[in-house]
């Protein structure tokens, strides 16, 4: 059920929602919906609400949702930690993704 929800959300929210709301909001909403399935706990931590270019936000969204779907499908994990930090002065994004699954 969680995997199916992830697929539906990734396809349904994809480009239109990310374009309207931005990466941070889209991933926050996505992770909250996955958390509601109780299959997996996702901790999404960020230091920004910054908007980025449309292309960058869409790529970040697709990368993040693919990592989550892979964790759901293969890792047998109970928890995911996603840390997204933006250093405005250096124009640098630091993205960390980890789970407590196998592999």
PDB file of N, CA and C in Angstrom:
ATOM      1  N   UNK A   1       0.817  -1.189   0.000  1.00  0.00           N
ATOM      2  CA  UNK A   1       0.000   0.000   0.000  1.00  0.00           C
ATOM      3  C   UNK A   1       0.869   1.264   0.000  1.00  0.00           C
ATOM      4  N   UNK A   2       1.923   1.273   0.806  1.00  0.00           N
ATOM      5  CA  UNK A   2       2.814   2.437   0.861  1.00  0.00           C
ATOM      6  C   UNK A   2       3.515   2.659  -0.466  1.00  0.00           C
ATOM      7  N   UNK A   3       3.937   1.559  -1.102  1.00  0.00           N
ATOM      8  CA  UNK A   3       4.603   1.669  -2.400  1.00  0.00           C
ATOM      9  C   UNK A   3       3.637   2.227  -3.430  1.00  0.00           C
ATOM     10  N   UNK A   4       2.418   1.731  -3.435  1.00  0.00           N
ATOM     11  CA  UNK A   4       1.406   2.221  -4.380  1.00  0.00           C
ATOM     12  C   UNK A   4       1.110   3.697  -4.123  1.00  0.00           C
ATOM     13  N   UNK A   5       0.998   4.081  -2.862  1.00  0.00           N
ATOM     14  CA  UNK A   5       0.763   5.484  -2.519  1.00  0.00           C
ATOM     15  C   UNK A   5       1.907   6.349  -3.014  1.00  0.00           C
ATOM     16  N   UNK A   6       3.134   5.884  -2.830  1.00  0.00           N
ATOM     17  CA  UNK A   6       4.303   6.641  -3.299  1.00  0.00           C
ATOM     18  C   UNK A   6       4.256   6.830  -4.805  1.00  0.00           C
ATOM     19  N   UNK A   7       3.925   5.783  -5.522  1.00  0.00           N
ATOM     20  CA  UNK A   7       3.838   5.880  -6.984  1.00  0.00           C
ATOM     21  C   UNK A   7       2.760   6.869  -7.409  1.00  0.00           C
ATOM     22  N   UNK A   8       1.596   6.730  -6.807  1.00  0.00           N
ATOM     23  CA  UNK A   8       0.483   7.618  -7.167  1.00  0.00           C
ATOM     24  C   UNK A   8       0.814   9.071  -6.863  1.00  0.00           C
ATOM     25  N   UNK A   9       1.406   9.313  -5.709  1.00  0.00           N
ATOM     26  CA  UNK A   9       1.744  10.679  -5.338  1.00  0.00           C
ATOM     27  C   UNK A   9       2.826  11.254  -6.239  1.00  0.00           C
ATOM     28  N   UNK A  10       3.831  10.460  -6.533  1.00  0.00           N
ATOM     29  CA  UNK A  10       4.926  10.941  -7.379  1.00  0.00           C
ATOM     30  C   UNK A  10       4.417  11.309  -8.760  1.00  0.00           C
ATOM     31  N   UNK A  11       3.535  10.496  -9.304  1.00  0.00           N
ATOM     32  CA  UNK A  11       2.999  10.785 -10.638  1.00  0.00           C
ATOM     33  C   UNK A  11       1.976  11.914 -10.585  1.00  0.00           C
ATOM     34  N   UNK A  12       1.133  11.895  -9.571  1.00  0.00           N
ATOM     35  CA  UNK A  12       0.060  12.873  -9.482  1.00  0.00           C
ATOM     36  C   UNK A  12       0.534  14.274  -9.151  1.00  0.00           C
ATOM     37  N   UNK A  13       1.498  14.398  -8.255  1.00  0.00           N
ATOM     38  CA  UNK A  13       1.967  15.712  -7.835  1.00  0.00           C
ATOM     39  C   UNK A  13       3.001  16.283  -8.788  1.00  0.00           C
ATOM     40  N   UNK A  14       3.731  15.439  -9.367  1.00  0.00           N
ATOM     41  CA  UNK A  14       4.911  15.727 -10.166  1.00  0.00           C
ATOM     42  C   UNK A  14       5.067  17.171 -10.609  1.00  0.00           C
ATOM     43  N   UNK A  15       5.135  17.409 -11.888  1.00  0.00           N
ATOM     44  CA  UNK A  15       5.571  18.702 -12.391  1.00  0.00           C
ATOM     45  C   UNK A  15       4.646  19.858 -12.044  1.00  0.00           C
ATOM     46  N   UNK A  16       3.355  19.698 -12.163  1.00  0.00           N
ATOM     47  CA  UNK A  16       2.420  20.796 -11.911  1.00  0.00           C
ATOM     48  C   UNK A  16       2.494  21.265 -10.455  1.00  0.00           C
ATOM     49  N   UNK A  17       2.442  20.336  -9.524  1.00  0.00           N
ATOM     50  CA  UNK A  17       2.457  20.684  -8.110  1.00  0.00           C
ATOM     51  C   UNK A  17       3.800  21.280  -7.700  1.00  0.00           C
ATOM     52  N   UNK A  18       4.882  20.692  -8.164  1.00  0.00           N
ATOM     53  CA  UNK A  18       6.212  21.213  -7.839  1.00  0.00           C
ATOM     54  C   UNK A  18       6.362  22.619  -8.402  1.00  0.00           C
ATOM     55  N   UNK A  19       5.888  22.839  -9.610  1.00  0.00           N
ATOM     56  CA  UNK A  19       5.968  24.155 -10.229  1.00  0.00           C
ATOM     57  C   UNK A  19       5.192  25.192  -9.413  1.00  0.00           C
ATOM     58  N   UNK A  20       4.023  24.812  -8.936  1.00  0.00           N
ATOM     59  CA  UNK A  20       3.193  25.744  -8.176  1.00  0.00           C
ATOM     60  C   UNK A  20       3.701  25.977  -6.758  1.00  0.00           C
ATOM     61  N   UNK A  21       4.082  24.906  -6.085  1.00  0.00           N
ATOM     62  CA  UNK A  21       4.390  24.993  -4.651  1.00  0.00           C
ATOM     63  C   UNK A  21       5.881  24.985  -4.320  1.00  0.00           C
ATOM     64  N   UNK A  22       6.695  24.447  -5.202  1.00  0.00           N
ATOM     65  CA  UNK A  22       8.122  24.356  -4.933  1.00  0.00           C
ATOM     66  C   UNK A  22       8.519  23.014  -4.350  1.00  0.00           C
ATOM     67  N   UNK A  23       9.811  22.733  -4.425  1.00  0.00           N
ATOM     68  CA  UNK A  23      10.355  21.456  -3.969  1.00  0.00           C
ATOM     69  C   UNK A  23      10.074  21.202  -2.491  1.00  0.00           C
ATOM     70  N   UNK A  24      10.358  22.182  -1.644  1.00  0.00           N
ATOM     71  CA  UNK A  24      10.246  21.980  -0.196  1.00  0.00           C
ATOM     72  C   UNK A  24       8.811  21.621   0.184  1.00  0.00           C
ATOM     73  N   UNK A  25       7.870  22.373  -0.310  1.00  0.00           N
ATOM     74  CA  UNK A  25       6.452  22.113   0.012  1.00  0.00           C
ATOM     75  C   UNK A  25       6.003  20.766  -0.564  1.00  0.00           C
ATOM     76  N   UNK A  26       6.399  20.489  -1.810  1.00  0.00           N
ATOM     77  CA  UNK A  26       5.983  19.233  -2.455  1.00  0.00           C
ATOM     78  C   UNK A  26       6.529  18.020  -1.707  1.00  0.00           C
ATOM     79  N   UNK A  27       7.784  18.071  -1.312  1.00  0.00           N
ATOM     80  CA  UNK A  27       8.371  16.930  -0.586  1.00  0.00           C
ATOM     81  C   UNK A  27       7.795  16.840   0.826  1.00  0.00           C
ATOM     82  N   UNK A  28       7.536  17.954   1.454  1.00  0.00           N
ATOM     83  CA  UNK A  28       6.899  17.922   2.780  1.00  0.00           C
ATOM     84  C   UNK A  28       5.544  17.239   2.703  1.00  0.00           C
ATOM     85  N   UNK A  29       4.746  17.614   1.720  1.00  0.00           N
ATOM     86  CA  UNK A  29       3.436  16.989   1.544  1.00  0.00           C
ATOM     87  C   UNK A  29       3.562  15.504   1.208  1.00  0.00           C
ATOM     88  N   UNK A  30       4.490  15.185   0.317  1.00  0.00           N
ATOM     89  CA  UNK A  30       4.720  13.796  -0.096  1.00  0.00           C
ATOM     90  C   UNK A  30       5.090  12.935   1.109  1.00  0.00           C
ATOM     91  N   UNK A  31       6.034  13.416   1.920  1.00  0.00           N
ATOM     92  CA  UNK A  31       6.487  12.625   3.067  1.00  0.00           C
ATOM     93  C   UNK A  31       5.388  12.481   4.111  1.00  0.00           C
ATOM     94  N   UNK A  32       4.568  13.513   4.287  1.00  0.00           N
ATOM     95  CA  UNK A  32       3.461  13.412   5.239  1.00  0.00           C
ATOM     96  C   UNK A  32       2.475  12.334   4.811  1.00  0.00           C
ATOM     97  N   UNK A  33       2.196  12.254   3.530  1.00  0.00           N
ATOM     98  CA  UNK A  33       1.256  11.242   3.038  1.00  0.00           C
ATOM     99  C   UNK A  33       1.833   9.831   3.184  1.00  0.00           C
ATOM    100  N   UNK A  34       3.120   9.684   2.949  1.00  0.00           N
ATOM    101  CA  UNK A  34       3.754   8.377   3.166  1.00  0.00           C
ATOM    102  C   UNK A  34       3.702   8.030   4.651  1.00  0.00           C
ATOM    103  N   UNK A  35       3.972   8.994   5.507  1.00  0.00           N
ATOM    104  CA  UNK A  35       3.927   8.741   6.951  1.00  0.00           C
ATOM    105  C   UNK A  35       2.544   8.282   7.407  1.00  0.00           C
ATOM    106  N   UNK A  36       1.498   8.760   6.769  1.00  0.00           N
ATOM    107  CA  UNK A  36       0.133   8.352   7.130  1.00  0.00           C
ATOM    108  C   UNK A  36      -0.126   6.871   6.875  1.00  0.00           C
ATOM    109  N   UNK A  37       0.640   6.252   5.971  1.00  0.00           N
ATOM    110  CA  UNK A  37       0.448   4.826   5.695  1.00  0.00           C
ATOM    111  C   UNK A  37       0.969   3.956   6.835  1.00  0.00           C
ATOM    112  N   UNK A  38       1.807   4.520   7.699  1.00  0.00           N
ATOM    113  CA  UNK A  38       2.403   3.821   8.852  1.00  0.00           C
ATOM    114  C   UNK A  38       3.373   2.707   8.433  1.00  0.00           C
ATOM    115  N   UNK A  39       3.680   2.620   7.160  1.00  0.00           N
ATOM    116  CA  UNK A  39       4.638   1.632   6.659  1.00  0.00           C
ATOM    117  C   UNK A  39       6.072   2.110   6.898  1.00  0.00           C
ATOM    118  N   UNK A  40       6.232   3.419   6.910  1.00  0.00           N
ATOM    119  CA  UNK A  40       7.554   4.014   6.940  1.00  0.00           C
ATOM    120  C   UNK A  40       7.457   5.377   7.601  1.00  0.00           C
ATOM    121  N   UNK A  41       8.452   5.729   8.404  1.00  0.00           N
ATOM    122  CA  UNK A  41       8.525   7.052   9.019  1.00  0.00           C
ATOM    123  C   UNK A  41       9.588   7.840   8.273  1.00  0.00           C
ATOM    124  N   UNK A  42       9.190   8.974   7.690  1.00  0.00           N
ATOM    125  CA  UNK A  42      10.132   9.824   6.963  1.00  0.00           C
ATOM    126  C   UNK A  42      10.299  11.124   7.732  1.00  0.00           C
ATOM    127  N   UNK A  43      11.543  11.421   8.074  1.00  0.00           N
ATOM    128  CA  UNK A  43      11.903  12.672   8.737  1.00  0.00           C
ATOM    129  C   UNK A  43      12.528  13.584   7.689  1.00  0.00           C
ATOM    130  N   UNK A  44      11.824  14.630   7.309  1.00  0.00           N
ATOM    131  CA  UNK A  44      12.334  15.587   6.334  1.00  0.00           C
ATOM    132  C   UNK A  44      12.697  16.869   7.063  1.00  0.00           C
ATOM    133  N   UNK A  45      13.978  17.192   7.049  1.00  0.00           N
ATOM    134  CA  UNK A  45      14.483  18.359   7.761  1.00  0.00           C
ATOM    135  C   UNK A  45      15.145  19.285   6.750  1.00  0.00           C
ATOM    136  N   UNK A  46      14.770  20.560   6.826  1.00  0.00           N
ATOM    137  CA  UNK A  46      15.356  21.550   5.928  1.00  0.00           C
ATOM    138  C   UNK A  46      15.567  22.860   6.674  1.00  0.00           C
ATOM    139  N   UNK A  47      16.475  23.657   6.175  1.00  0.00           N
ATOM    140  CA  UNK A  47      16.742  24.958   6.775  1.00  0.00           C
ATOM    141  C   UNK A  47      16.207  26.099   5.906  1.00  0.00           C
ATOM    142  N   UNK A  48      15.382  25.768   4.911  1.00  0.00           N
ATOM    143  CA  UNK A  48      14.952  26.793   3.969  1.00  0.00           C
ATOM    144  C   UNK A  48      13.544  26.535   3.446  1.00  0.00           C
ATOM    145  N   UNK A  49      12.931  27.588   2.976  1.00  0.00           N
ATOM    146  CA  UNK A  49      11.703  27.514   2.191  1.00  0.00           C
ATOM    147  C   UNK A  49      11.953  28.149   0.829  1.00  0.00           C
ATOM    148  N   UNK A  50      13.211  28.312   0.518  1.00  0.00           N
ATOM    149  CA  UNK A  50      13.663  28.956  -0.721  1.00  0.00           C
ATOM    150  C   UNK A  50      13.090  28.261  -1.949  1.00  0.00           C
ATOM    151  N   UNK A  51      12.785  29.038  -2.955  1.00  0.00           N
ATOM    152  CA  UNK A  51      12.399  28.497  -4.259  1.00  0.00           C
ATOM    153  C   UNK A  51      13.629  28.510  -5.148  1.00  0.00           C
ATOM    154  N   UNK A  52      13.729  27.493  -6.013  1.00  0.00           N
ATOM    155  CA  UNK A  52      14.846  27.361  -6.936  1.00  0.00           C
ATOM    156  C   UNK A  52      14.300  27.380  -8.354  1.00  0.00           C
ATOM    157  N   UNK A  53      15.162  27.235  -9.329  1.00  0.00           N
ATOM    158  CA  UNK A  53      14.679  27.207 -10.713  1.00  0.00           C
ATOM    159  C   UNK A  53      13.724  26.030 -10.892  1.00  0.00           C
ATOM    160  N   UNK A  54      12.797  26.185 -11.820  1.00  0.00           N
ATOM    161  CA  UNK A  54      11.818  25.134 -12.064  1.00  0.00           C
ATOM    162  C   UNK A  54      12.457  23.797 -12.394  1.00  0.00           C
ATOM    163  N   UNK A  55      13.489  23.834 -13.237  1.00  0.00           N
ATOM    164  CA  UNK A  55      14.180  22.596 -13.616  1.00  0.00           C
ATOM    165  C   UNK A  55      14.821  21.949 -12.397  1.00  0.00           C
ATOM    166  N   UNK A  56      15.516  22.735 -11.584  1.00  0.00           N
ATOM    167  CA  UNK A  56      16.189  22.192 -10.401  1.00  0.00           C
ATOM    168  C   UNK A  56      15.178  21.614  -9.421  1.00  0.00           C
ATOM    169  N   UNK A  57      14.078  22.319  -9.185  1.00  0.00           N
ATOM    170  CA  UNK A  57      13.079  21.806  -8.250  1.00  0.00           C
ATOM    171  C   UNK A  57      12.471  20.493  -8.737  1.00  0.00           C
ATOM    172  N   UNK A  58      12.190  20.399 -10.016  1.00  0.00           N
ATOM    173  CA  UNK A  58      11.614  19.173 -10.555  1.00  0.00           C
ATOM    174  C   UNK A  58      12.605  18.015 -10.460  1.00  0.00           C
ATOM    175  N   UNK A  59      13.873  18.262 -10.764  1.00  0.00           N
ATOM    176  CA  UNK A  59      14.890  17.207 -10.661  1.00  0.00           C
ATOM    177  C   UNK A  59      15.072  16.763  -9.213  1.00  0.00           C
ATOM    178  N   UNK A  60      15.137  17.712  -8.292  1.00  0.00           N
ATOM    179  CA  UNK A  60      15.256  17.366  -6.870  1.00  0.00           C
ATOM    180  C   UNK A  60      14.058  16.531  -6.409  1.00  0.00           C
ATOM    181  N   UNK A  61      12.880  16.905  -6.852  1.00  0.00           N
ATOM    182  CA  UNK A  61      11.667  16.169  -6.491  1.00  0.00           C
ATOM    183  C   UNK A  61      11.719  14.736  -7.023  1.00  0.00           C
ATOM    184  N   UNK A  62      12.073  14.599  -8.271  1.00  0.00           N
ATOM    185  CA  UNK A  62      12.125  13.254  -8.867  1.00  0.00           C
ATOM    186  C   UNK A  62      13.188  12.385  -8.219  1.00  0.00           C
ATOM    187  N   UNK A  63      14.336  12.965  -7.919  1.00  0.00           N
ATOM    188  CA  UNK A  63      15.402  12.217  -7.249  1.00  0.00           C
ATOM    189  C   UNK A  63      14.934  11.767  -5.862  1.00  0.00           C
ATOM    190  N   UNK A  64      14.357  12.685  -5.120  1.00  0.00           N
ATOM    191  CA  UNK A  64      13.920  12.375  -3.756  1.00  0.00           C
ATOM    192  C   UNK A  64      12.828  11.311  -3.742  1.00  0.00           C
ATOM    193  N   UNK A  65      11.826  11.457  -4.601  1.00  0.00           N
ATOM    194  CA  UNK A  65      10.745  10.465  -4.621  1.00  0.00           C
ATOM    195  C   UNK A  65      11.243   9.105  -5.096  1.00  0.00           C
ATOM    196  N   UNK A  66      12.195   9.089  -6.008  1.00  0.00           N
ATOM    197  CA  UNK A  66      12.755   7.808  -6.467  1.00  0.00           C
ATOM    198  C   UNK A  66      13.525   7.126  -5.335  1.00  0.00           C
ATOM    199  N   UNK A  67      14.283   7.899  -4.563  1.00  0.00           N
ATOM    200  CA  UNK A  67      14.990   7.327  -3.414  1.00  0.00           C
ATOM    201  C   UNK A  67      14.003   6.747  -2.405  1.00  0.00           C
ATOM    202  N   UNK A  68      12.915   7.457  -2.154  1.00  0.00           N
ATOM    203  CA  UNK A  68      11.903   6.965  -1.219  1.00  0.00           C
ATOM    204  C   UNK A  68      11.260   5.684  -1.754  1.00  0.00           C
ATOM    205  N   UNK A  69      10.903   5.681  -3.019  1.00  0.00           N
ATOM    206  CA  UNK A  69      10.291   4.475  -3.608  1.00  0.00           C
ATOM    207  C   UNK A  69      11.251   3.297  -3.561  1.00  0.00           C
ATOM    208  N   UNK A  70      12.531   3.521  -3.820  1.00  0.00           N
ATOM    209  CA  UNK A  70      13.513   2.433  -3.742  1.00  0.00           C
ATOM    210  C   UNK A  70      13.628   1.903  -2.317  1.00  0.00           C
ATOM    211  N   UNK A  71      13.616   2.794  -1.349  1.00  0.00           N
ATOM    212  CA  UNK A  71      13.656   2.358   0.044  1.00  0.00           C
ATOM    213  C   UNK A  71      12.438   1.513   0.378  1.00  0.00           C
ATOM    214  N   UNK A  72      11.260   1.978  -0.038  1.00  0.00           N
ATOM    215  CA  UNK A  72      10.032   1.210   0.203  1.00  0.00           C
ATOM    216  C   UNK A  72      10.076  -0.156  -0.469  1.00  0.00           C
ATOM    217  N   UNK A  73      10.615  -0.213  -1.673  1.00  0.00           N
ATOM    218  CA  UNK A  73      10.597  -1.446  -2.457  1.00  0.00           C
ATOM    219  C   UNK A  73      11.652  -2.462  -2.028  1.00  0.00           C
ATOM    220  N   UNK A  74      12.818  -1.989  -1.635  1.00  0.00           N
ATOM    221  CA  UNK A  74      13.953  -2.911  -1.482  1.00  0.00           C
ATOM    222  C   UNK A  74      14.629  -2.928  -0.119  1.00  0.00           C
ATOM    223  N   UNK A  75      14.578  -1.848   0.625  1.00  0.00           N
ATOM    224  CA  UNK A  75      15.434  -1.737   1.807  1.00  0.00           C
ATOM    225  C   UNK A  75      14.858  -2.358   3.072  1.00  0.00           C
ATOM    226  N   UNK A  76      13.560  -2.631   3.097  1.00  0.00           N
ATOM    227  CA  UNK A  76      12.923  -3.143   4.304  1.00  0.00           C
ATOM    228  C   UNK A  76      13.196  -2.217   5.492  1.00  0.00           C
ATOM    229  N   UNK A  77      13.157  -0.927   5.235  1.00  0.00           N
ATOM    230  CA  UNK A  77      13.459   0.077   6.254  1.00  0.00           C
ATOM    231  C   UNK A  77      12.203   0.478   7.003  1.00  0.00           C
ATOM    232  N   UNK A  78      12.395   0.967   8.213  1.00  0.00           N
ATOM    233  CA  UNK A  78      11.299   1.502   9.019  1.00  0.00           C
ATOM    234  C   UNK A  78      11.356   3.020   9.077  1.00  0.00           C
ATOM    235  N   UNK A  79      12.528   3.582   8.736  1.00  0.00           N
ATOM    236  CA  UNK A  79      12.703   5.022   8.884  1.00  0.00           C
ATOM    237  C   UNK A  79      13.665   5.576   7.835  1.00  0.00           C
ATOM    238  N   UNK A  80      13.335   6.768   7.358  1.00  0.00           N
ATOM    239  CA  UNK A  80      14.174   7.509   6.409  1.00  0.00           C
ATOM    240  C   UNK A  80      14.453   8.875   7.007  1.00  0.00           C
ATOM    241  N   UNK A  81      15.685   9.329   6.854  1.00  0.00           N
ATOM    242  CA  UNK A  81      16.052  10.700   7.215  1.00  0.00           C
ATOM    243  C   UNK A  81      16.488  11.424   5.947  1.00  0.00           C
ATOM    244  N   UNK A  82      15.857  12.554   5.686  1.00  0.00           N
ATOM    245  CA  UNK A  82      16.226  13.402   4.554  1.00  0.00           C
ATOM    246  C   UNK A  82      16.584  14.768   5.119  1.00  0.00           C
ATOM    247  N   UNK A  83      17.805  15.195   4.858  1.00  0.00           N
ATOM    248  CA  UNK A  83      18.259  16.519   5.278  1.00  0.00           C
ATOM    249  C   UNK A  83      18.580  17.332   4.028  1.00  0.00           C
ATOM    250  N   UNK A  84      17.926  18.466   3.909  1.00  0.00           N
ATOM    251  CA  UNK A  84      18.111  19.349   2.771  1.00  0.00           C
ATOM    252  C   UNK A  84      18.516  20.711   3.316  1.00  0.00           C
ATOM    253  N   UNK A  85      19.774  21.052   3.117  1.00  0.00           N
ATOM    254  CA  UNK A  85      20.296  22.331   3.603  1.00  0.00           C
ATOM    255  C   UNK A  85      20.733  23.186   2.421  1.00  0.00           C
ATOM    256  N   UNK A  86      20.402  24.467   2.500  1.00  0.00           N
ATOM    257  CA  UNK A  86      20.790  25.407   1.460  1.00  0.00           C
ATOM    258  C   UNK A  86      21.633  26.510   2.076  1.00  0.00           C
ATOM    259  N   UNK A  87      22.844  26.666   1.549  1.00  0.00           N
ATOM    260  CA  UNK A  87      23.739  27.741   1.957  1.00  0.00           C
ATOM    261  C   UNK A  87      23.640  28.832   0.895  1.00  0.00           C
ATOM    262  N   UNK A  88      22.884  29.857   1.212  1.00  0.00           N
ATOM    263  CA  UNK A  88      22.635  30.938   0.247  1.00  0.00           C
ATOM    264  C   UNK A  88      23.928  31.653  -0.138  1.00  0.00           C
ATOM    265  N   UNK A  89      24.807  31.886   0.833  1.00  0.00           N
ATOM    266  CA  UNK A  89      26.047  32.609   0.560  1.00  0.00           C
ATOM    267  C   UNK A  89      26.928  31.878  -0.449  1.00  0.00           C
ATOM    268  N   UNK A  90      26.970  30.578  -0.348  1.00  0.00           N
ATOM    269  CA  UNK A  90      27.796  29.776  -1.262  1.00  0.00           C
ATOM    270  C   UNK A  90      26.993  29.239  -2.445  1.00  0.00           C
ATOM    271  N   UNK A  91      25.676  29.485  -2.432  1.00  0.00           N
ATOM    272  CA  UNK A  91      24.779  28.932  -3.456  1.00  0.00           C
ATOM    273  C   UNK A  91      24.982  27.422  -3.564  1.00  0.00           C
ATOM    274  N   UNK A  92      24.886  26.757  -2.404  1.00  0.00           N
ATOM    275  CA  UNK A  92      25.218  25.342  -2.295  1.00  0.00           C
ATOM    276  C   UNK A  92      24.087  24.587  -1.600  1.00  0.00           C
ATOM    277  N   UNK A  93      23.680  23.487  -2.201  1.00  0.00           N
ATOM    278  CA  UNK A  93      22.690  22.594  -1.599  1.00  0.00           C
ATOM    279  C   UNK A  93      23.421  21.366  -1.073  1.00  0.00           C
ATOM    280  N   UNK A  94      23.135  21.018   0.166  1.00  0.00           N
ATOM    281  CA  UNK A  94      23.655  19.775   0.743  1.00  0.00           C
ATOM    282  C   UNK A  94      22.451  18.887   1.013  1.00  0.00           C
ATOM    283  N   UNK A  95      22.395  17.754   0.313  1.00  0.00           N
ATOM    284  CA  UNK A  95      21.275  16.835   0.391  1.00  0.00           C
ATOM    285  C   UNK A  95      21.783  15.508   0.940  1.00  0.00           C
ATOM    286  N   UNK A  96      21.178  15.067   2.046  1.00  0.00           N
ATOM    287  CA  UNK A  96      21.566  13.791   2.646  1.00  0.00           C
ATOM    288  C   UNK A  96      20.324  12.927   2.783  1.00  0.00           C
ATOM    289  N   UNK A  97      20.452  11.681   2.333  1.00  0.00           N
ATOM    290  CA  UNK A  97      19.355  10.726   2.402  1.00  0.00           C
ATOM    291  C   UNK A  97      19.901   9.457   3.043  1.00  0.00           C
ATOM    292  N   UNK A  98      19.233   8.995   4.084  1.00  0.00           N
ATOM    293  CA  UNK A  98      19.657   7.742   4.710  1.00  0.00           C
ATOM    294  C   UNK A  98      18.433   7.004   5.226  1.00  0.00           C
ATOM    295  N   UNK A  99      18.575   5.674   5.300  1.00  0.00           N
ATOM    296  CA  UNK A  99      17.499   4.856   5.862  1.00  0.00           C
ATOM    297  C   UNK A  99      18.133   3.778   6.742  1.00  0.00           C
ATOM    298  N   UNK A 100      17.315   3.116   7.525  1.00  0.00           N
ATOM    299  CA  UNK A 100      17.814   2.084   8.429  1.00  0.00           C
ATOM    300  C   UNK A 100      17.565   0.680   7.874  1.00  0.00           C
ATOM    301  N   UNK A 101      17.452   0.588   6.558  1.00  0.00           N
ATOM    302  CA  UNK A 101      17.186  -0.691   5.913  1.00  0.00           C
ATOM    303  C   UNK A 101      18.446  -1.488   5.592  1.00  0.00           C
ATOM    304  N   UNK A 102      18.227  -2.580   4.881  1.00  0.00           N
ATOM    305  CA  UNK A 102      19.332  -3.448   4.493  1.00  0.00           C
ATOM    306  C   UNK A 102      20.005  -2.896   3.240  1.00  0.00           C
ATOM    307  N   UNK A 103      21.252  -3.219   3.073  1.00  0.00           N
ATOM    308  CA  UNK A 103      21.964  -2.849   1.850  1.00  0.00           C
ATOM    309  C   UNK A 103      22.631  -1.537   1.850  1.00  0.00           C
TER     310      UNK A 103
END
